[in-house]
C-alpha cells in the first residue's frame, strides 16, 4: 500500500471513531440555507398536514381552523355566555359532541328502518297506536 493510501485509511478510521462518540462531544456546523423553492415546498406540505397535539388524557388531537362570519361569531358569543363556556374551543367541541350524537341517532334510525325493511316497527305489548287527532295535536304543539 502506498503511504497516501495508509494516511487516507487512518483518517477514515478516525472519522468513524468520532461518529460513534456521544452527540454532546460533536461539533456541528450550521446548515446552509435552503433555496426558496425547497422552502416553499416544505412549507406547503406542512400546511396540508394538520398539526397534532397531545391532550391531558394522553391521546393525540388535531388542531383545526374555521372561518366564521359575523352572524356566526355573534351566535357563538351568545352560546358562550348562555352555557358558561370559557373559550371558542369549548364552544366548537360542544358543537361537535352534539353533531356526533345527532349522527349516531340518524345511523340508528337507518339501521332500524333497514331491519324492518321499510315497514313500521311493531308497537310494544300493551301500547296503543296514536290516533290521527293525537298526532295532529302533537304536530301543532309548540315547545
Foldseek 3Di string as FASTA:
>chain_A
DDPVVVVVVVVVVVVVVVVPDDPVPDDDDDDDDDDPVVVVVVVVVVVVDFDWDADPVRDIDTDDDDDDDPVVVVVLVVVCVVVVPDDPVRSVVVVVVVVVVVVVVVVVVVVVCVVVVNDDDDDPPPDDDDDPVVVVVVVPDDD
